[in-house]
C-alpha atoms as a PDB file:
ATOM      1  CA  UNK A   1      37.553-234.499 -41.675  1.00  0.00           C
ATOM      2  CA  UNK A   2      34.934-231.938 -42.699  1.00  0.00           C
ATOM      3  CA  UNK A   3      32.192-233.196 -44.994  1.00  0.00           C
ATOM      4  CA  UNK A   4      31.033-231.464 -48.170  1.00  0.00           C
ATOM      5  CA  UNK A   5      27.329-230.660 -48.546  1.00  0.00           C
ATOM      6  CA  UNK A   6      25.029-229.278 -51.204  1.00  0.00           C
ATOM      7  CA  UNK A   7      21.470-228.162 -50.467  1.00  0.00           C
ATOM      8  CA  UNK A   8      18.382-228.139 -52.684  1.00  0.00           C
ATOM      9  CA  UNK A   9      15.518-225.849 -51.669  1.00  0.00           C
ATOM     10  CA  UNK A  10      17.499-223.097 -49.975  1.00  0.00           C
ATOM     11  CA  UNK A  11      14.660-220.518 -50.061  1.00  0.00           C
ATOM     12  CA  UNK A  12      12.248-222.761 -48.193  1.00  0.00           C
ATOM     13  CA  UNK A  13      10.996-222.426 -44.626  1.00  0.00           C
ATOM     14  CA  UNK A  14      13.005-225.353 -43.266  1.00  0.00           C
ATOM     15  CA  UNK A  15      16.296-224.721 -45.123  1.00  0.00           C
ATOM     16  CA  UNK A  16      17.872-222.472 -42.430  1.00  0.00           C
ATOM     17  CA  UNK A  17      17.641-225.320 -39.921  1.00  0.00           C
ATOM     18  CA  UNK A  18      19.650-227.484 -42.286  1.00  0.00           C
ATOM     19  CA  UNK A  19      22.193-224.719 -42.892  1.00  0.00           C
ATOM     20  CA  UNK A  20      22.564-224.293 -39.136  1.00  0.00           C
ATOM     21  CA  UNK A  21      22.968-228.042 -38.652  1.00  0.00           C
ATOM     22  CA  UNK A  22      25.685-228.200 -41.316  1.00  0.00           C
ATOM     23  CA  UNK A  23      27.509-225.301 -39.695  1.00  0.00           C
ATOM     24  CA  UNK A  24      27.015-226.564 -36.138  1.00  0.00           C
ATOM     25  CA  UNK A  25      28.544-229.916 -37.063  1.00  0.00           C
ATOM     26  CA  UNK A  26      31.607-228.234 -38.587  1.00  0.00           C
ATOM     27  CA  UNK A  27      31.013-229.042 -42.228  1.00  0.00           C
ATOM     28  CA  UNK A  28      31.016-227.196 -45.571  1.00  0.00           C
ATOM     29  CA  UNK A  29      28.073-226.108 -47.720  1.00  0.00           C
ATOM     30  CA  UNK A  30      29.551-225.890 -51.193  1.00  0.00           C
ATOM     31  CA  UNK A  31      26.464-225.078 -53.261  1.00  0.00           C
ATOM     32  CA  UNK A  32      22.727-224.478 -52.940  1.00  0.00           C
ATOM     33  CA  UNK A  33      19.875-224.333 -55.398  1.00  0.00           C
ATOM     34  CA  UNK A  34      16.358-222.865 -55.446  1.00  0.00           C
ATOM     35  CA  UNK A  35      14.176-221.387 -58.220  1.00  0.00           C
ATOM     36  CA  UNK A  36      13.576-218.414 -55.888  1.00  0.00           C
ATOM     37  CA  UNK A  37      16.501-216.087 -55.239  1.00  0.00           C
ATOM     38  CA  UNK A  38      15.229-214.896 -51.836  1.00  0.00           C
ATOM     39  CA  UNK A  39      18.077-216.674 -50.107  1.00  0.00           C
ATOM     40  CA  UNK A  40      19.928-213.965 -48.186  1.00  0.00           C
ATOM     41  CA  UNK A  41      19.783-216.263 -45.158  1.00  0.00           C
ATOM     42  CA  UNK A  42      22.755-218.124 -46.658  1.00  0.00           C
ATOM     43  CA  UNK A  43      24.981-215.197 -45.636  1.00  0.00           C
ATOM     44  CA  UNK A  44      24.349-216.023 -41.983  1.00  0.00           C
ATOM     45  CA  UNK A  45      25.874-219.460 -42.424  1.00  0.00           C
ATOM     46  CA  UNK A  46      27.891-219.954 -45.630  1.00  0.00           C
ATOM     47  CA  UNK A  47      28.341-216.674 -47.544  1.00  0.00           C
ATOM     48  CA  UNK A  48      30.859-218.267 -49.924  1.00  0.00           C
ATOM     49  CA  UNK A  49      28.508-221.058 -50.966  1.00  0.00           C
ATOM     50  CA  UNK A  50      27.645-221.012 -54.671  1.00  0.00           C
ATOM     51  CA  UNK A  51      23.977-220.456 -55.458  1.00  0.00           C
ATOM     52  CA  UNK A  52      21.901-221.422 -58.507  1.00  0.00           C
ATOM     53  CA  UNK A  53      18.288-220.814 -59.512  1.00  0.00           C
ATOM     54  CA  UNK A  54      18.407-223.429 -62.286  1.00  0.00           C
ATOM     55  CA  UNK A  55      18.829-227.105 -61.473  1.00  0.00           C
ATOM     56  CA  UNK A  56      20.813-227.735 -64.676  1.00  0.00           C
ATOM     57  CA  UNK A  57      23.498-225.217 -63.707  1.00  0.00           C
ATOM     58  CA  UNK A  58      23.570-226.577 -60.172  1.00  0.00           C
ATOM     59  CA  UNK A  59      24.029-230.101 -61.549  1.00  0.00           C
ATOM     60  CA  UNK A  60      26.830-228.927 -63.861  1.00  0.00           C
ATOM     61  CA  UNK A  61      28.591-227.161 -60.967  1.00  0.00           C
ATOM     62  CA  UNK A  62      28.556-230.343 -58.871  1.00  0.00           C
ATOM     63  CA  UNK A  63      30.112-232.277 -61.751  1.00  0.00           C
ATOM     64  CA  UNK A  64      32.742-229.586 -62.359  1.00  0.00           C
ATOM     65  CA  UNK A  65      33.742-229.738 -58.701  1.00  0.00           C
ATOM     66  CA  UNK A  66      34.167-233.493 -59.046  1.00  0.00           C
ATOM     67  CA  UNK A  67      36.030-233.689 -62.350  1.00  0.00           C
ATOM     68  CA  UNK A  68      37.884-230.355 -62.479  1.00  0.00           C
ATOM     69  CA  UNK A  69      38.768-229.839 -58.829  1.00  0.00           C
ATOM     70  CA  UNK A  70      38.577-233.379 -57.426  1.00  0.00           C
ATOM     71  CA  UNK A  71      36.017-232.225 -54.833  1.00  0.00           C
ATOM     72  CA  UNK A  72      33.355-234.799 -54.073  1.00  0.00           C
ATOM     73  CA  UNK A  73      30.041-234.289 -52.329  1.00  0.00           C
ATOM     74  CA  UNK A  74      29.413-236.313 -49.205  1.00  0.00           C
ATOM     75  CA  UNK A  75      25.781-235.299 -48.648  1.00  0.00           C
ATOM     76  CA  UNK A  76      22.949-233.507 -50.412  1.00  0.00           C
ATOM     77  CA  UNK A  77      20.374-231.953 -48.090  1.00  0.00           C
ATOM     78  CA  UNK A  78      16.913-231.839 -49.640  1.00  0.00           C
ATOM     79  CA  UNK A  79      14.414-229.167 -48.561  1.00  0.00           C
ATOM     80  CA  UNK A  80      12.475-228.925 -51.813  1.00  0.00           C
ATOM     81  CA  UNK A  81       8.671-229.312 -52.201  1.00  0.00           C
ATOM     82  CA  UNK A  82       7.436-232.766 -51.190  1.00  0.00           C
ATOM     83  CA  UNK A  83       6.684-234.030 -54.695  1.00  0.00           C
ATOM     84  CA  UNK A  84      10.283-233.348 -55.807  1.00  0.00           C
ATOM     85  CA  UNK A  85      11.975-235.253 -52.984  1.00  0.00           C
ATOM     86  CA  UNK A  86      12.089-238.506 -54.934  1.00  0.00           C
ATOM     87  CA  UNK A  87      13.878-236.978 -57.939  1.00  0.00           C
ATOM     88  CA  UNK A  88      16.302-234.988 -55.807  1.00  0.00           C
ATOM     89  CA  UNK A  89      17.262-238.010 -53.720  1.00  0.00           C
ATOM     90  CA  UNK A  90      17.992-239.896 -56.925  1.00  0.00           C
ATOM     91  CA  UNK A  91      20.188-237.005 -58.061  1.00  0.00           C
ATOM     92  CA  UNK A  92      22.097-237.102 -54.783  1.00  0.00           C
ATOM     93  CA  UNK A  93      22.820-240.816 -54.984  1.00  0.00           C
ATOM     94  CA  UNK A  94      23.787-240.671 -58.668  1.00  0.00           C
ATOM     95  CA  UNK A  95      26.189-237.850 -57.741  1.00  0.00           C
ATOM     96  CA  UNK A  96      27.956-240.157 -55.306  1.00  0.00           C
ATOM     97  CA  UNK A  97      26.512-238.540 -52.173  1.00  0.00           C
ATOM     98  CA  UNK A  98      24.211-239.689 -49.419  1.00  0.00           C
ATOM     99  CA  UNK A  99      20.894-237.834 -49.174  1.00  0.00           C
ATOM    100  CA  UNK A 100      19.392-236.140 -46.116  1.00  0.00           C
ATOM    101  CA  UNK A 101      15.754-235.517 -46.932  1.00  0.00           C
ATOM    102  CA  UNK A 102      13.031-233.576 -45.180  1.00  0.00           C
ATOM    103  CA  UNK A 103       9.721-235.237 -44.394  1.00  0.00           C
ATOM    104  CA  UNK A 104       7.680-236.611 -45.993  1.00  0.00           C
ATOM    105  CA  UNK A 105      10.484-238.499 -47.634  1.00  0.00           C
ATOM    106  CA  UNK A 106       8.103-239.441 -50.486  1.00  0.00           C
ATOM    107  CA  UNK A 107       4.355-239.270 -51.062  1.00  0.00           C
ATOM    108  CA  UNK A 108       3.655-242.947 -51.800  1.00  0.00           C
ATOM    109  CA  UNK A 109       4.884-246.188 -50.184  1.00  0.00           C
ATOM    110  CA  UNK A 110       5.980-247.742 -53.480  1.00  0.00           C
ATOM    111  CA  UNK A 111       8.422-244.867 -54.002  1.00  0.00           C
ATOM    112  CA  UNK A 112      10.357-246.221 -51.013  1.00  0.00           C
ATOM    113  CA  UNK A 113      10.785-249.597 -52.742  1.00  0.00           C
ATOM    114  CA  UNK A 114      12.193-247.956 -55.875  1.00  0.00           C
ATOM    115  CA  UNK A 115      14.574-245.755 -53.888  1.00  0.00           C
ATOM    116  CA  UNK A 116      15.871-248.773 -51.998  1.00  0.00           C
ATOM    117  CA  UNK A 117      16.846-250.201 -55.361  1.00  0.00           C
ATOM    118  CA  UNK A 118      18.720-246.982 -56.193  1.00  0.00           C
ATOM    119  CA  UNK A 119      20.521-247.263 -52.849  1.00  0.00           C
ATOM    120  CA  UNK A 120      21.518-250.815 -53.724  1.00  0.00           C
ATOM    121  CA  UNK A 121      22.736-249.847 -57.202  1.00  0.00           C
ATOM    122  CA  UNK A 122      24.770-246.825 -56.058  1.00  0.00           C
ATOM    123  CA  UNK A 123      25.982-248.009 -52.663  1.00  0.00           C
ATOM    124  CA  UNK A 124      24.826-244.710 -51.145  1.00  0.00           C
ATOM    125  CA  UNK A 125      22.207-244.111 -48.447  1.00  0.00           C
ATOM    126  CA  UNK A 126      19.109-241.977 -47.936  1.00  0.00           C
ATOM    127  CA  UNK A 127      18.373-240.521 -44.508  1.00  0.00           C
ATOM    128  CA  UNK A 128      15.071-238.999 -43.400  1.00  0.00           C
ATOM    129  CA  UNK A 129      14.696-236.129 -40.938  1.00  0.00           C
ATOM    130  CA  UNK A 130      12.548-237.712 -38.218  1.00  0.00           C
ATOM    131  CA  UNK A 131      13.311-235.083 -35.631  1.00  0.00           C
ATOM    132  CA  UNK A 132      10.733-236.039 -33.013  1.00  0.00           C
ATOM    133  CA  UNK A 133      12.672-239.263 -32.458  1.00  0.00           C
ATOM    134  CA  UNK A 134      15.534-237.151 -31.084  1.00  0.00           C
ATOM    135  CA  UNK A 135      13.341-234.804 -29.028  1.00  0.00           C
ATOM    136  CA  UNK A 136      14.329-235.445 -25.422  1.00  0.00           C
ATOM    137  CA  UNK A 137      10.767-235.279 -24.090  1.00  0.00           C
ATOM    138  CA  UNK A 138       9.643-237.896 -26.617  1.00  0.00           C
ATOM    139  CA  UNK A 139      12.658-240.087 -25.838  1.00  0.00           C
ATOM    140  CA  UNK A 140      11.791-239.877 -22.142  1.00  0.00           C
ATOM    141  CA  UNK A 141       8.177-240.769 -22.922  1.00  0.00           C
ATOM    142  CA  UNK A 142       9.221-243.801 -24.971  1.00  0.00           C
ATOM    143  CA  UNK A 143      11.430-245.016 -22.106  1.00  0.00           C
ATOM    144  CA  UNK A 144       8.575-244.501 -19.636  1.00  0.00           C
ATOM    145  CA  UNK A 145       6.088-246.397 -21.787  1.00  0.00           C
ATOM    146  CA  UNK A 146       8.565-249.235 -22.274  1.00  0.00           C
ATOM    147  CA  UNK A 147       8.879-249.647 -18.507  1.00  0.00           C
ATOM    148  CA  UNK A 148       5.124-249.992 -17.950  1.00  0.00           C
ATOM    149  CA  UNK A 149       3.533-253.412 -18.287  1.00  0.00           C
ATOM    150  CA  UNK A 150       0.074-252.258 -19.391  1.00  0.00           C
ATOM    151  CA  UNK A 151      -2.553-254.877 -20.252  1.00  0.00           C
ATOM    152  CA  UNK A 152      -4.868-252.586 -22.223  1.00  0.00           C
ATOM    153  CA  UNK A 153      -4.137-250.086 -24.976  1.00  0.00           C
ATOM    154  CA  UNK A 154      -3.496-246.431 -24.226  1.00  0.00           C
ATOM    155  CA  UNK A 155      -6.137-243.898 -25.237  1.00  0.00           C
ATOM    156  CA  UNK A 156      -4.341-241.042 -26.973  1.00  0.00           C
ATOM    157  CA  UNK A 157      -5.501-237.705 -28.338  1.00  0.00           C
ATOM    158  CA  UNK A 158      -3.268-235.729 -30.687  1.00  0.00           C
ATOM    159  CA  UNK A 159      -4.126-232.145 -31.644  1.00  0.00           C
ATOM    160  CA  UNK A 160      -1.866-230.011 -33.815  1.00  0.00           C
ATOM    161  CA  UNK A 161      -3.005-226.582 -34.986  1.00  0.00           C
ATOM    162  CA  UNK A 162      -0.599-224.372 -36.883  1.00  0.00           C
ATOM    163  CA  UNK A 163      -2.144-221.301 -38.505  1.00  0.00           C
ATOM    164  CA  UNK A 164      -1.241-220.427 -42.071  1.00  0.00           C
ATOM    165  CA  UNK A 165      -2.267-217.358 -44.051  1.00  0.00           C
ATOM    166  CA  UNK A 166      -3.925-217.133 -47.452  1.00  0.00           C
ATOM    167  CA  UNK A 167      -0.583-217.756 -49.176  1.00  0.00           C
ATOM    168  CA  UNK A 168      -0.600-221.377 -48.010  1.00  0.00           C
ATOM    169  CA  UNK A 169      -3.380-222.613 -50.278  1.00  0.00           C
ATOM    170  CA  UNK A 170      -1.949-220.730 -53.256  1.00  0.00           C
ATOM    171  CA  UNK A 171       1.478-222.300 -52.836  1.00  0.00           C
ATOM    172  CA  UNK A 172       2.541-225.856 -53.637  1.00  0.00           C
ATOM    173  CA  UNK A 173       1.588-226.747 -50.045  1.00  0.00           C
ATOM    174  CA  UNK A 174      -2.073-226.203 -50.864  1.00  0.00           C
ATOM    175  CA  UNK A 175      -1.893-228.522 -53.885  1.00  0.00           C
ATOM    176  CA  UNK A 176      -2.502-232.106 -52.735  1.00  0.00           C
ATOM    177  CA  UNK A 177      -0.731-233.557 -55.775  1.00  0.00           C
ATOM    178  CA  UNK A 178       2.443-231.737 -54.708  1.00  0.00           C
ATOM    179  CA  UNK A 179       2.260-231.710 -50.908  1.00  0.00           C
ATOM    180  CA  UNK A 180       0.127-234.774 -50.214  1.00  0.00           C
ATOM    181  CA  UNK A 181      -2.482-232.657 -48.459  1.00  0.00           C
ATOM    182  CA  UNK A 182      -2.639-231.142 -44.989  1.00  0.00           C
ATOM    183  CA  UNK A 183      -2.292-234.440 -43.098  1.00  0.00           C
ATOM    184  CA  UNK A 184       0.879-235.287 -45.014  1.00  0.00           C
ATOM    185  CA  UNK A 185       2.391-231.831 -44.998  1.00  0.00           C
ATOM    186  CA  UNK A 186       2.009-230.972 -41.313  1.00  0.00           C
ATOM    187  CA  UNK A 187       1.291-234.365 -39.763  1.00  0.00           C
ATOM    188  CA  UNK A 188       3.699-236.942 -41.135  1.00  0.00           C
ATOM    189  CA  UNK A 189       6.289-236.486 -38.362  1.00  0.00           C
ATOM    190  CA  UNK A 190       3.575-236.903 -35.709  1.00  0.00           C
ATOM    191  CA  UNK A 191       2.403-240.158 -37.300  1.00  0.00           C
ATOM    192  CA  UNK A 192       6.017-241.337 -37.272  1.00  0.00           C
ATOM    193  CA  UNK A 193       6.244-240.417 -33.588  1.00  0.00           C
ATOM    194  CA  UNK A 194       3.066-242.359 -32.794  1.00  0.00           C
ATOM    195  CA  UNK A 195       4.373-245.412 -34.662  1.00  0.00           C
ATOM    196  CA  UNK A 196       7.722-245.109 -32.850  1.00  0.00           C
ATOM    197  CA  UNK A 197       5.966-244.962 -29.475  1.00  0.00           C
ATOM    198  CA  UNK A 198       3.098-247.412 -29.927  1.00  0.00           C
ATOM    199  CA  UNK A 199       4.049-249.977 -32.571  1.00  0.00           C
ATOM    200  CA  UNK A 200       2.519-251.183 -35.804  1.00  0.00           C
ATOM    201  CA  UNK A 201      -0.632-249.682 -37.313  1.00  0.00           C
ATOM    202  CA  UNK A 202      -3.706-251.914 -37.135  1.00  0.00           C
ATOM    203  CA  UNK A 203      -6.526-249.526 -38.110  1.00  0.00           C
ATOM    204  CA  UNK A 204      -6.572-246.231 -40.027  1.00  0.00           C
ATOM    205  CA  UNK A 205      -9.900-244.398 -40.258  1.00  0.00           C
ATOM    206  CA  UNK A 206     -10.517-240.865 -41.593  1.00  0.00           C
ATOM    207  CA  UNK A 207     -13.400-238.882 -40.081  1.00  0.00           C
ATOM    208  CA  UNK A 208     -12.753-235.463 -41.642  1.00  0.00           C
ATOM    209  CA  UNK A 209     -10.742-234.443 -44.701  1.00  0.00           C
ATOM    210  CA  UNK A 210     -10.825-230.948 -46.156  1.00  0.00           C
ATOM    211  CA  UNK A 211      -8.268-228.603 -47.663  1.00  0.00           C
ATOM    212  CA  UNK A 212      -7.118-227.099 -44.352  1.00  0.00           C
ATOM    213  CA  UNK A 213      -8.228-229.659 -41.789  1.00  0.00           C
ATOM    214  CA  UNK A 214      -8.126-233.416 -41.323  1.00  0.00           C
ATOM    215  CA  UNK A 215      -8.988-235.774 -38.511  1.00  0.00           C
ATOM    216  CA  UNK A 216      -9.227-239.462 -37.867  1.00  0.00           C
ATOM    217  CA  UNK A 217      -8.572-242.529 -35.764  1.00  0.00           C
ATOM    218  CA  UNK A 218      -5.457-244.698 -35.689  1.00  0.00           C
ATOM    219  CA  UNK A 219      -5.088-247.926 -33.783  1.00  0.00           C
ATOM    220  CA  UNK A 220      -1.564-249.126 -33.060  1.00  0.00           C
ATOM    221  CA  UNK A 221      -0.338-252.229 -31.269  1.00  0.00           C
ATOM    222  CA  UNK A 222      -0.344-250.349 -27.965  1.00  0.00           C
ATOM    223  CA  UNK A 223      -2.680-247.375 -28.426  1.00  0.00           C
ATOM    224  CA  UNK A 224      -5.918-246.009 -29.853  1.00  0.00           C
ATOM    225  CA  UNK A 225      -5.368-242.491 -31.190  1.00  0.00           C
ATOM    226  CA  UNK A 226      -7.852-239.777 -32.142  1.00  0.00           C
ATOM    227  CA  UNK A 227      -6.028-237.068 -34.089  1.00  0.00           C
ATOM    228  CA  UNK A 228      -6.873-233.620 -35.424  1.00  0.00           C
ATOM    229  CA  UNK A 229      -4.701-231.401 -37.635  1.00  0.00           C
ATOM    230  CA  UNK A 230      -5.413-227.998 -39.144  1.00  0.00           C
ATOM    231  CA  UNK A 231      -3.825-224.892 -40.645  1.00  0.00           C
ATOM    232  CA  UNK A 232      -7.014-222.866 -40.015  1.00  0.00           C
ATOM    233  CA  UNK A 233      -6.767-220.402 -37.115  1.00  0.00           C
ATOM    234  CA  UNK A 234     -10.456-220.793 -36.275  1.00  0.00           C
ATOM    235  CA  UNK A 235      -9.679-223.982 -34.367  1.00  0.00           C
ATOM    236  CA  UNK A 236      -7.137-222.364 -32.025  1.00  0.00           C
ATOM    237  CA  UNK A 237      -8.219-222.376 -28.349  1.00  0.00           C
ATOM    238  CA  UNK A 238      -9.071-219.022 -26.783  1.00  0.00           C
ATOM    239  CA  UNK A 239      -6.120-219.193 -24.390  1.00  0.00           C
ATOM    240  CA  UNK A 240      -3.758-219.514 -27.353  1.00  0.00           C
ATOM    241  CA  UNK A 241      -5.352-216.609 -29.234  1.00  0.00           C
ATOM    242  CA  UNK A 242      -5.138-214.390 -26.144  1.00  0.00           C
ATOM    243  CA  UNK A 243      -1.365-214.925 -26.129  1.00  0.00           C
ATOM    244  CA  UNK A 244      -1.168-214.016 -29.851  1.00  0.00           C
ATOM    245  CA  UNK A 245       0.218-217.456 -30.574  1.00  0.00           C
ATOM    246  CA  UNK A 246      -0.435-219.233 -33.854  1.00  0.00           C
ATOM    247  CA  UNK A 247       0.482-222.811 -32.965  1.00  0.00           C
ATOM    248  CA  UNK A 248      -1.014-225.316 -30.552  1.00  0.00           C
ATOM    249  CA  UNK A 249       0.322-228.815 -29.896  1.00  0.00           C
ATOM    250  CA  UNK A 250      -1.302-231.243 -27.503  1.00  0.00           C
ATOM    251  CA  UNK A 251      -0.891-234.943 -26.808  1.00  0.00           C
ATOM    252  CA  UNK A 252      -2.745-236.675 -24.008  1.00  0.00           C
ATOM    253  CA  UNK A 253      -2.235-240.284 -22.978  1.00  0.00           C
ATOM    254  CA  UNK A 254      -5.036-241.708 -20.851  1.00  0.00           C
ATOM    255  CA  UNK A 255      -6.069-238.121 -20.142  1.00  0.00           C
ATOM    256  CA  UNK A 256      -2.616-236.945 -19.029  1.00  0.00           C
ATOM    257  CA  UNK A 257      -1.080-234.087 -21.016  1.00  0.00           C
ATOM    258  CA  UNK A 258       2.384-234.753 -22.418  1.00  0.00           C
ATOM    259  CA  UNK A 259       4.513-231.601 -22.441  1.00  0.00           C
ATOM    260  CA  UNK A 260       6.726-231.220 -25.506  1.00  0.00           C
ATOM    261  CA  UNK A 261       6.046-227.653 -26.650  1.00  0.00           C
ATOM    262  CA  UNK A 262       9.696-226.643 -26.276  1.00  0.00           C
ATOM    263  CA  UNK A 263      12.966-228.218 -27.308  1.00  0.00           C
ATOM    264  CA  UNK A 264      12.501-227.894 -31.073  1.00  0.00           C
ATOM    265  CA  UNK A 265      15.282-225.387 -31.778  1.00  0.00           C
ATOM    266  CA  UNK A 266      18.251-227.715 -32.292  1.00  0.00           C
ATOM    267  CA  UNK A 267      16.582-230.941 -33.368  1.00  0.00           C
ATOM    268  CA  UNK A 268      17.979-230.798 -36.905  1.00  0.00           C
ATOM    269  CA  UNK A 269      21.495-230.467 -35.522  1.00  0.00           C
ATOM    270  CA  UNK A 270      20.908-233.586 -33.425  1.00  0.00           C
ATOM    271  CA  UNK A 271      19.599-235.402 -36.512  1.00  0.00           C
ATOM    272  CA  UNK A 272      22.716-234.412 -38.461  1.00  0.00           C
ATOM    273  CA  UNK A 273      25.030-235.535 -35.656  1.00  0.00           C
ATOM    274  CA  UNK A 274      23.414-238.961 -35.693  1.00  0.00           C
ATOM    275  CA  UNK A 275      23.698-239.216 -39.475  1.00  0.00           C
ATOM    276  CA  UNK A 276      27.360-238.242 -39.403  1.00  0.00           C
ATOM    277  CA  UNK A 277      27.881-241.031 -36.864  1.00  0.00           C
ATOM    278  CA  UNK A 278      26.049-243.511 -39.143  1.00  0.00           C
ATOM    279  CA  UNK A 279      23.097-243.685 -36.735  1.00  0.00           C
ATOM    280  CA  UNK A 280      20.471-241.812 -38.742  1.00  0.00           C
ATOM    281  CA  UNK A 281      17.043-243.068 -39.798  1.00  0.00           C
ATOM    282  CA  UNK A 282      16.703-244.423 -43.308  1.00  0.00           C
ATOM    283  CA  UNK A 283      14.038-245.351 -45.840  1.00  0.00           C
ATOM    284  CA  UNK A 284      12.611-248.328 -43.984  1.00  0.00           C
ATOM    285  CA  UNK A 285      12.246-246.275 -40.817  1.00  0.00           C
ATOM    286  CA  UNK A 286      10.060-243.824 -42.741  1.00  0.00           C
ATOM    287  CA  UNK A 287       7.786-246.450 -44.310  1.00  0.00           C
ATOM    288  CA  UNK A 288       5.053-246.671 -41.679  1.00  0.00           C
ATOM    289  CA  UNK A 289       4.366-242.910 -41.614  1.00  0.00           C
ATOM    290  CA  UNK A 290       4.242-242.802 -45.430  1.00  0.00           C
ATOM    291  CA  UNK A 291       1.786-245.706 -45.461  1.00  0.00           C
ATOM    292  CA  UNK A 292      -0.358-243.874 -42.893  1.00  0.00           C
ATOM    293  CA  UNK A 293      -0.570-240.614 -44.851  1.00  0.00           C
ATOM    294  CA  UNK A 294      -1.155-242.420 -48.142  1.00  0.00           C
ATOM    295  CA  UNK A 295      -4.089-244.290 -46.596  1.00  0.00           C
ATOM    296  CA  UNK A 296      -5.478-241.040 -45.160  1.00  0.00           C
ATOM    297  CA  UNK A 297      -5.223-239.407 -48.572  1.00  0.00           C
ATOM    298  CA  UNK A 298      -7.051-242.237 -50.360  1.00  0.00           C
ATOM    299  CA  UNK A 299      -9.648-243.259 -47.729  1.00  0.00           C
ATOM    300  CA  UNK A 300     -13.369-242.581 -47.677  1.00  0.00           C
ATOM    301  CA  UNK A 301     -14.824-240.630 -44.744  1.00  0.00           C
ATOM    302  CA  UNK A 302     -16.162-242.633 -41.808  1.00  0.00           C
ATOM    303  CA  UNK A 303     -18.755-240.702 -39.771  1.00  0.00           C
ATOM    304  CA  UNK A 304     -19.027-243.141 -36.885  1.00  0.00           C
ATOM    305  CA  UNK A 305     -19.021-241.097 -33.662  1.00  0.00           C
ATOM    306  CA  UNK A 306     -16.744-243.517 -31.780  1.00  0.00           C
ATOM    307  CA  UNK A 307     -13.814-242.544 -34.035  1.00  0.00           C
ATOM    308  CA  UNK A 308     -14.248-238.761 -33.891  1.00  0.00           C
ATOM    309  CA  UNK A 309     -11.931-236.283 -32.195  1.00  0.00           C
ATOM    310  CA  UNK A 310     -13.579-233.892 -29.696  1.00  0.00           C
ATOM    311  CA  UNK A 311     -13.089-230.887 -32.052  1.00  0.00           C
ATOM    312  CA  UNK A 312     -15.376-232.339 -34.715  1.00  0.00           C
END
């Protein structure tokens, strides 16, 4: 039976991937909401979906569907700004639906504890989009690492550069109180991937933290990781600039490059398929990455050379 969805944040960058995933899995998008009305993309997926720019009218429409037409929501997909995720997940569960929330699921670890209580009280569930866990190259890497009996920890270097224009800092993404800062906004799924591959976090040190760049050192059960993240194009390698590309991803393990630049197109659809089969990742799965970014956000800078990434 087809499932009924609503979506919050339909004008955002990531919303079309959710619309595509809902369509690809054969389900219905009944209503969407966003304060911005630049949402013509909806026509490509669900032209008959109702659209609202005010949350109150969206909320009323969901209730009218339930009480006047006996139509219940099964899921609410949440693509809103990071600082609103918590409130919108609560709305979803109170509306009798499960929530599918973009990363970061929340900004602070204690928010997870409170949301788990809401899950318990409502009997509904919150799922997080942890798409790198369904990326085939990362799955293959995890299987490879699991088969190796290594006595020492891996030495890992993670570099992620994704250029953003002047608009970025003037949007909610440039406001740390709303986005969590650059490490949270563009890095949280990579920290989740590292935790998924290498186990529990033992050390979290920050060596650089500015508005558009952050770097540090993470030690996991099975790896020591130097990481570097930035939205500033000045850090892009020359070979990337020559190709007129704006994004650079690199992970090396013991000096060996791990290729995972492709395969991102349909990851949200894979995430949705797992959720619809009751195999998705929930609040507890997201905890470690949220603890990592919260520590990064609140830590003092450590200038010890041993912890620094090569780009510093």
